[in-house]
Amino acid sequence: MPTKAPRKKKVEKTKASPKVEVSTKLRIRVRAYEHKILDASVKQIMDTALRYDAEVLGPIPLPTEIKKYTVNRSSFVHKNAREQFEMRVHKRLIDILNPNGKVIEALTNLSLPSGVNIDVKMS
């Protein structure tokens, strides 16, 4: 009776993964009802970031959010007469790659016009 030779286990070779540089990113979402004020605010944010040699991606225009409201013109008669109103919320997105302390400090001290909403996330 022939004996079987013991099987050799396959050894998987692990490749050394390249070192990935951990980068931080500031993601700034700017929202406003008027697009002219929004664009002026975005330009001010970008100028501040570029002044401190930060790498800036954007502004990326996001879809305009439109809220429509339909209202009866009359409260008692003429129920078919209606008016429509809408609110448009314009949005932009700016990414700042590898921000240093000076950039973050300058952005926190930035004064923007009223009516501009800013959301900042760091990842």
N, C-alpha and C. Protein backbone atom coordinates (compact mmCIF):
# COMPACT_ATOMS: atom_id res chain seq x y z
N MET A 1 0.82 -1.16 0.00
CA MET A 1 0.00 0.00 0.00
C MET A 1 0.88 1.25 0.00
N PRO A 2 0.76 2.07 -1.03
CA PRO A 2 1.61 3.28 -1.10
C PRO A 2 1.12 4.33 -0.10
N THR A 3 2.06 4.99 0.50
CA THR A 3 1.71 6.05 1.45
C THR A 3 1.71 7.39 0.73
N LYS A 4 0.78 8.20 1.14
CA LYS A 4 0.71 9.53 0.53
C LYS A 4 1.70 10.46 1.21
N ALA A 5 2.31 11.27 0.40
CA ALA A 5 3.23 12.27 0.93
C ALA A 5 2.41 13.38 1.60
N PRO A 6 2.87 13.89 2.70
CA PRO A 6 2.12 14.97 3.36
C PRO A 6 2.07 16.21 2.48
N ARG A 7 0.88 16.83 2.46
CA ARG A 7 0.71 18.03 1.64
C ARG A 7 1.38 19.22 2.31
N LYS A 8 1.94 20.05 1.47
CA LYS A 8 2.53 21.27 1.98
C LYS A 8 1.45 22.36 1.98
N LYS A 9 1.41 23.10 3.04
CA LYS A 9 0.45 24.19 3.12
C LYS A 9 0.94 25.35 2.26
N LYS A 10 -0.04 25.97 1.58
CA LYS A 10 0.32 27.13 0.78
C LYS A 10 0.49 28.33 1.70
N VAL A 11 1.58 28.98 1.53
CA VAL A 11 1.86 30.16 2.34
C VAL A 11 1.60 31.37 1.45
N GLU A 12 0.66 32.18 1.91
CA GLU A 12 0.35 33.38 1.14
C GLU A 12 1.35 34.46 1.50
N LYS A 13 1.89 35.06 0.47
CA LYS A 13 2.83 36.14 0.71
C LYS A 13 2.05 37.44 0.84
N THR A 14 2.35 38.15 1.88
CA THR A 14 1.68 39.44 2.07
C THR A 14 2.58 40.52 1.50
N LYS A 15 1.97 41.34 0.70
CA LYS A 15 2.72 42.43 0.11
C LYS A 15 2.69 43.61 1.07
N ALA A 16 3.77 44.30 1.12
CA ALA A 16 3.85 45.48 1.98
C ALA A 16 3.00 46.58 1.34
N SER A 17 2.02 47.05 2.10
CA SER A 17 1.16 48.09 1.55
C SER A 17 1.89 49.43 1.60
N PRO A 18 1.69 50.25 0.59
CA PRO A 18 2.37 51.54 0.58
C PRO A 18 1.83 52.41 1.72
N LYS A 19 2.71 53.23 2.24
CA LYS A 19 2.29 54.09 3.35
C LYS A 19 1.33 55.15 2.83
N VAL A 20 0.19 55.23 3.48
CA VAL A 20 -0.82 56.20 3.09
C VAL A 20 -0.72 57.37 4.04
N GLU A 21 -0.60 58.55 3.46
CA GLU A 21 -0.48 59.75 4.27
C GLU A 21 -1.87 60.13 4.80
N VAL A 22 -1.97 60.29 6.09
CA VAL A 22 -3.25 60.66 6.69
C VAL A 22 -3.44 62.15 6.47
N SER A 23 -4.49 62.49 5.74
CA SER A 23 -4.73 63.89 5.45
C SER A 23 -6.04 64.33 6.09
N THR A 24 -6.02 65.54 6.58
CA THR A 24 -7.24 66.11 7.14
C THR A 24 -7.88 67.00 6.09
N LYS A 25 -9.17 67.16 6.24
CA LYS A 25 -9.89 67.93 5.25
C LYS A 25 -10.99 68.71 5.95
N LEU A 26 -11.12 69.97 5.62
CA LEU A 26 -12.23 70.78 6.08
C LEU A 26 -13.26 70.81 4.97
N ARG A 27 -14.48 70.41 5.27
CA ARG A 27 -15.55 70.46 4.28
C ARG A 27 -16.53 71.55 4.73
N ILE A 28 -16.64 72.59 3.93
CA ILE A 28 -17.47 73.74 4.29
C ILE A 28 -18.66 73.79 3.35
N ARG A 29 -19.86 73.73 3.93
CA ARG A 29 -21.10 73.87 3.15
C ARG A 29 -21.70 75.23 3.46
N VAL A 30 -21.91 76.02 2.42
CA VAL A 30 -22.41 77.38 2.57
C VAL A 30 -23.79 77.43 1.93
N ARG A 31 -24.77 78.00 2.67
CA ARG A 31 -26.15 78.08 2.17
C ARG A 31 -26.65 79.51 2.34
N ALA A 32 -27.45 79.98 1.37
CA ALA A 32 -28.05 81.31 1.46
C ALA A 32 -29.24 81.39 0.52
N TYR A 33 -30.10 82.36 0.78
CA TYR A 33 -31.27 82.55 -0.07
C TYR A 33 -30.92 83.33 -1.34
N GLU A 34 -29.94 84.22 -1.25
CA GLU A 34 -29.55 85.03 -2.41
C GLU A 34 -28.20 84.56 -2.93
N HIS A 35 -28.14 84.30 -4.22
CA HIS A 35 -26.92 83.72 -4.78
C HIS A 35 -25.78 84.72 -4.86
N LYS A 36 -26.07 86.02 -4.98
CA LYS A 36 -24.99 87.01 -5.06
C LYS A 36 -24.26 87.12 -3.72
N ILE A 37 -25.01 87.13 -2.63
CA ILE A 37 -24.39 87.17 -1.31
C ILE A 37 -23.61 85.87 -1.06
N LEU A 38 -24.16 84.76 -1.51
CA LEU A 38 -23.51 83.46 -1.34
C LEU A 38 -22.17 83.44 -2.08
N ASP A 39 -22.16 83.89 -3.33
CA ASP A 39 -20.92 83.88 -4.11
C ASP A 39 -19.87 84.81 -3.50
N ALA A 40 -20.30 85.95 -2.97
CA ALA A 40 -19.36 86.87 -2.33
C ALA A 40 -18.76 86.23 -1.08
N SER A 41 -19.57 85.52 -0.31
CA SER A 41 -19.08 84.85 0.90
C SER A 41 -18.10 83.73 0.56
N VAL A 42 -18.42 82.95 -0.48
CA VAL A 42 -17.54 81.86 -0.91
C VAL A 42 -16.20 82.42 -1.37
N LYS A 43 -16.24 83.53 -2.10
CA LYS A 43 -14.99 84.15 -2.57
C LYS A 43 -14.16 84.62 -1.38
N GLN A 44 -14.81 85.16 -0.36
CA GLN A 44 -14.11 85.62 0.82
C GLN A 44 -13.47 84.44 1.57
N ILE A 45 -14.16 83.32 1.66
CA ILE A 45 -13.61 82.12 2.32
C ILE A 45 -12.42 81.59 1.53
N MET A 46 -12.55 81.53 0.22
CA MET A 46 -11.46 81.00 -0.62
C MET A 46 -10.24 81.92 -0.56
N ASP A 47 -10.44 83.23 -0.60
CA ASP A 47 -9.31 84.16 -0.52
C ASP A 47 -8.57 84.00 0.81
N THR A 48 -9.32 83.82 1.88
CA THR A 48 -8.70 83.65 3.20
C THR A 48 -7.88 82.36 3.24
N ALA A 49 -8.41 81.28 2.68
CA ALA A 49 -7.68 80.00 2.68
C ALA A 49 -6.44 80.07 1.79
N LEU A 50 -6.56 80.71 0.64
CA LEU A 50 -5.42 80.80 -0.27
C LEU A 50 -4.34 81.74 0.25
N ARG A 51 -4.71 82.70 1.08
CA ARG A 51 -3.74 83.62 1.66
C ARG A 51 -2.75 82.88 2.54
N TYR A 52 -3.20 81.79 3.18
CA TYR A 52 -2.35 80.99 4.06
C TYR A 52 -1.86 79.72 3.37
N ASP A 53 -1.83 79.71 2.06
CA ASP A 53 -1.29 78.61 1.24
C ASP A 53 -1.95 77.27 1.52
N ALA A 54 -3.25 77.24 1.62
CA ALA A 54 -3.99 75.99 1.77
C ALA A 54 -4.49 75.56 0.40
N GLU A 55 -4.59 74.26 0.21
CA GLU A 55 -5.09 73.73 -1.06
C GLU A 55 -6.62 73.70 -1.01
N VAL A 56 -7.25 74.39 -1.97
CA VAL A 56 -8.70 74.56 -1.95
C VAL A 56 -9.31 73.87 -3.17
N LEU A 57 -10.37 73.08 -2.93
CA LEU A 57 -11.15 72.48 -4.01
C LEU A 57 -12.52 73.12 -3.98
N GLY A 58 -12.92 73.69 -5.09
CA GLY A 58 -14.27 74.26 -5.14
C GLY A 58 -14.23 75.69 -5.60
N PRO A 59 -15.30 76.38 -5.53
CA PRO A 59 -16.59 75.99 -4.95
C PRO A 59 -17.37 75.06 -5.88
N ILE A 60 -17.98 74.09 -5.30
CA ILE A 60 -18.80 73.13 -6.05
C ILE A 60 -20.25 73.50 -5.84
N PRO A 61 -20.97 73.87 -6.90
CA PRO A 61 -22.38 74.21 -6.72
C PRO A 61 -23.22 72.95 -6.49
N LEU A 62 -24.00 72.97 -5.44
CA LEU A 62 -24.91 71.87 -5.14
C LEU A 62 -26.30 72.24 -5.65
N PRO A 63 -27.19 71.27 -5.82
CA PRO A 63 -28.51 71.58 -6.35
C PRO A 63 -29.27 72.57 -5.46
N THR A 64 -29.97 73.49 -6.12
CA THR A 64 -30.76 74.49 -5.40
C THR A 64 -32.00 73.83 -4.83
N GLU A 65 -32.21 74.05 -3.55
CA GLU A 65 -33.37 73.48 -2.87
C GLU A 65 -34.55 74.46 -3.04
N ILE A 66 -35.65 74.00 -3.63
CA ILE A 66 -36.80 74.87 -3.90
C ILE A 66 -37.98 74.38 -3.07
N LYS A 67 -38.48 75.26 -2.22
CA LYS A 67 -39.66 74.96 -1.41
C LYS A 67 -40.81 75.78 -1.96
N LYS A 68 -41.89 75.10 -2.39
CA LYS A 68 -43.04 75.79 -2.96
C LYS A 68 -44.22 75.72 -2.00
N TYR A 69 -44.92 76.85 -1.88
CA TYR A 69 -46.09 76.94 -1.03
C TYR A 69 -47.26 77.46 -1.86
N THR A 70 -48.40 76.77 -1.79
CA THR A 70 -49.60 77.19 -2.49
C THR A 70 -50.61 77.68 -1.46
N VAL A 71 -51.16 78.87 -1.72
CA VAL A 71 -52.04 79.52 -0.76
C VAL A 71 -53.30 79.97 -1.49
N ASN A 72 -54.46 79.83 -0.82
CA ASN A 72 -55.71 80.36 -1.38
C ASN A 72 -55.64 81.89 -1.37
N ARG A 73 -56.09 82.52 -2.48
CA ARG A 73 -56.11 83.98 -2.51
C ARG A 73 -57.20 84.53 -1.60
N SER A 74 -58.31 83.86 -1.57
CA SER A 74 -59.44 84.34 -0.79
C SER A 74 -59.73 83.33 0.32
N SER A 75 -60.23 83.83 1.41
CA SER A 75 -60.51 82.92 2.52
C SER A 75 -61.92 82.33 2.46
N PHE A 76 -62.84 83.00 1.75
CA PHE A 76 -64.23 82.55 1.79
C PHE A 76 -64.72 82.04 0.44
N VAL A 77 -64.72 82.89 -0.58
CA VAL A 77 -65.17 82.49 -1.92
C VAL A 77 -63.96 82.39 -2.83
N HIS A 78 -64.20 82.00 -4.07
CA HIS A 78 -63.14 81.86 -5.08
C HIS A 78 -62.07 80.87 -4.61
N LYS A 79 -62.51 79.65 -4.33
CA LYS A 79 -61.58 78.65 -3.83
C LYS A 79 -60.58 78.18 -4.88
N ASN A 80 -60.87 78.43 -6.15
CA ASN A 80 -59.96 77.98 -7.20
C ASN A 80 -58.85 79.00 -7.47
N ALA A 81 -58.98 80.19 -6.92
CA ALA A 81 -57.95 81.21 -7.11
C ALA A 81 -56.85 80.98 -6.08
N ARG A 82 -55.67 80.64 -6.57
CA ARG A 82 -54.56 80.33 -5.66
C ARG A 82 -53.30 81.08 -6.09
N GLU A 83 -52.42 81.27 -5.13
CA GLU A 83 -51.12 81.87 -5.40
C GLU A 83 -50.04 80.88 -5.00
N GLN A 84 -48.93 80.92 -5.72
CA GLN A 84 -47.80 80.05 -5.37
C GLN A 84 -46.60 80.92 -5.01
N PHE A 85 -45.95 80.55 -3.91
CA PHE A 85 -44.73 81.21 -3.48
C PHE A 85 -43.64 80.16 -3.38
N GLU A 86 -42.41 80.60 -3.57
CA GLU A 86 -41.31 79.64 -3.45
C GLU A 86 -40.12 80.29 -2.76
N MET A 87 -39.37 79.46 -2.07
CA MET A 87 -38.12 79.86 -1.44
C MET A 87 -37.01 79.02 -2.06
N ARG A 88 -35.98 79.69 -2.52
CA ARG A 88 -34.84 78.99 -3.11
C ARG A 88 -33.65 79.09 -2.17
N VAL A 89 -33.06 77.94 -1.87
CA VAL A 89 -31.87 77.89 -1.02
C VAL A 89 -30.70 77.45 -1.90
N HIS A 90 -29.77 78.36 -2.13
CA HIS A 90 -28.60 78.07 -2.96
C HIS A 90 -27.50 77.53 -2.07
N LYS A 91 -26.75 76.54 -2.58
CA LYS A 91 -25.73 75.87 -1.77
C LYS A 91 -24.42 75.74 -2.55
N ARG A 92 -23.32 75.86 -1.82
CA ARG A 92 -21.98 75.65 -2.38
C ARG A 92 -21.18 74.79 -1.41
N LEU A 93 -20.20 74.07 -1.95
CA LEU A 93 -19.34 73.20 -1.15
C LEU A 93 -17.89 73.56 -1.43
N ILE A 94 -17.10 73.70 -0.36
CA ILE A 94 -15.68 74.01 -0.48
C ILE A 94 -14.91 72.99 0.35
N ASP A 95 -13.87 72.40 -0.22
CA ASP A 95 -12.98 71.49 0.51
C ASP A 95 -11.62 72.16 0.65
N ILE A 96 -11.10 72.16 1.87
CA ILE A 96 -9.76 72.69 2.13
C ILE A 96 -8.94 71.51 2.61
N LEU A 97 -7.91 71.15 1.84
CA LEU A 97 -7.08 69.98 2.15
C LEU A 97 -5.89 70.39 3.02
N ASN A 98 -5.61 69.59 4.01
CA ASN A 98 -4.49 69.78 4.93
C ASN A 98 -4.41 71.21 5.49
N PRO A 99 -5.46 71.65 6.18
CA PRO A 99 -5.41 73.01 6.73
C PRO A 99 -4.49 73.08 7.94
N ASN A 100 -3.76 74.17 8.05
CA ASN A 100 -2.93 74.36 9.23
C ASN A 100 -3.69 75.23 10.24
N GLY A 101 -3.08 75.49 11.37
CA GLY A 101 -3.75 76.22 12.43
C GLY A 101 -4.10 77.65 12.05
N LYS A 102 -3.24 78.27 11.23
CA LYS A 102 -3.50 79.66 10.83
C LYS A 102 -4.74 79.77 9.96
N VAL A 103 -4.95 78.78 9.09
CA VAL A 103 -6.13 78.80 8.21
C VAL A 103 -7.40 78.66 9.04
N ILE A 104 -7.38 77.73 9.99
CA ILE A 104 -8.57 77.50 10.81
C ILE A 104 -8.88 78.73 11.65
N GLU A 105 -7.84 79.34 12.20
CA GLU A 105 -8.05 80.54 13.02
C GLU A 105 -8.58 81.69 12.18
N ALA A 106 -8.05 81.85 10.96
CA ALA A 106 -8.51 82.93 10.09
C ALA A 106 -9.97 82.71 9.66
N LEU A 107 -10.34 81.45 9.44
CA LEU A 107 -11.72 81.18 9.02
C LEU A 107 -12.70 81.38 10.18
N THR A 108 -12.28 81.12 11.42
CA THR A 108 -13.19 81.33 12.54
C THR A 108 -13.39 82.81 12.81
N ASN A 109 -12.39 83.64 12.50
CA ASN A 109 -12.51 85.08 12.73
C ASN A 109 -13.14 85.81 11.56
N LEU A 110 -13.53 85.10 10.54
CA LEU A 110 -14.09 85.70 9.33
C LEU A 110 -15.51 86.19 9.61
N SER A 111 -15.81 87.42 9.21
CA SER A 111 -17.18 87.93 9.38
C SER A 111 -17.87 87.91 8.02
N LEU A 112 -18.96 87.17 7.96
CA LEU A 112 -19.72 87.02 6.73
C LEU A 112 -21.06 87.72 6.87
N PRO A 113 -21.68 88.09 5.76
CA PRO A 113 -22.97 88.80 5.83
C PRO A 113 -24.06 87.93 6.46
N SER A 114 -25.08 88.62 6.99
CA SER A 114 -26.19 87.88 7.58
C SER A 114 -26.98 87.19 6.48
N GLY A 115 -27.60 86.09 6.82
CA GLY A 115 -28.34 85.31 5.83
C GLY A 115 -27.52 84.20 5.22
N VAL A 116 -26.25 84.10 5.59
CA VAL A 116 -25.38 83.04 5.07
C VAL A 116 -25.16 82.02 6.18
N ASN A 117 -25.50 80.79 5.91
CA ASN A 117 -25.37 79.70 6.88
C ASN A 117 -24.17 78.85 6.51
N ILE A 118 -23.32 78.54 7.48
CA ILE A 118 -22.10 77.78 7.22
C ILE A 118 -22.07 76.54 8.09
N ASP A 119 -21.78 75.39 7.48
CA ASP A 119 -21.57 74.13 8.20
C ASP A 119 -20.14 73.68 7.91
N VAL A 120 -19.35 73.47 8.95
CA VAL A 120 -17.96 73.05 8.79
C VAL A 120 -17.79 71.67 9.42
N LYS A 121 -17.25 70.74 8.62
CA LYS A 121 -16.94 69.40 9.13
C LYS A 121 -15.49 69.10 8.86
N MET A 122 -14.86 68.47 9.84
CA MET A 122 -13.46 68.09 9.69
C MET A 122 -13.37 66.58 9.63
N SER A 123 -12.69 66.07 8.63
CA SER A 123 -12.54 64.62 8.51
C SER A 123 -11.10 64.26 8.22
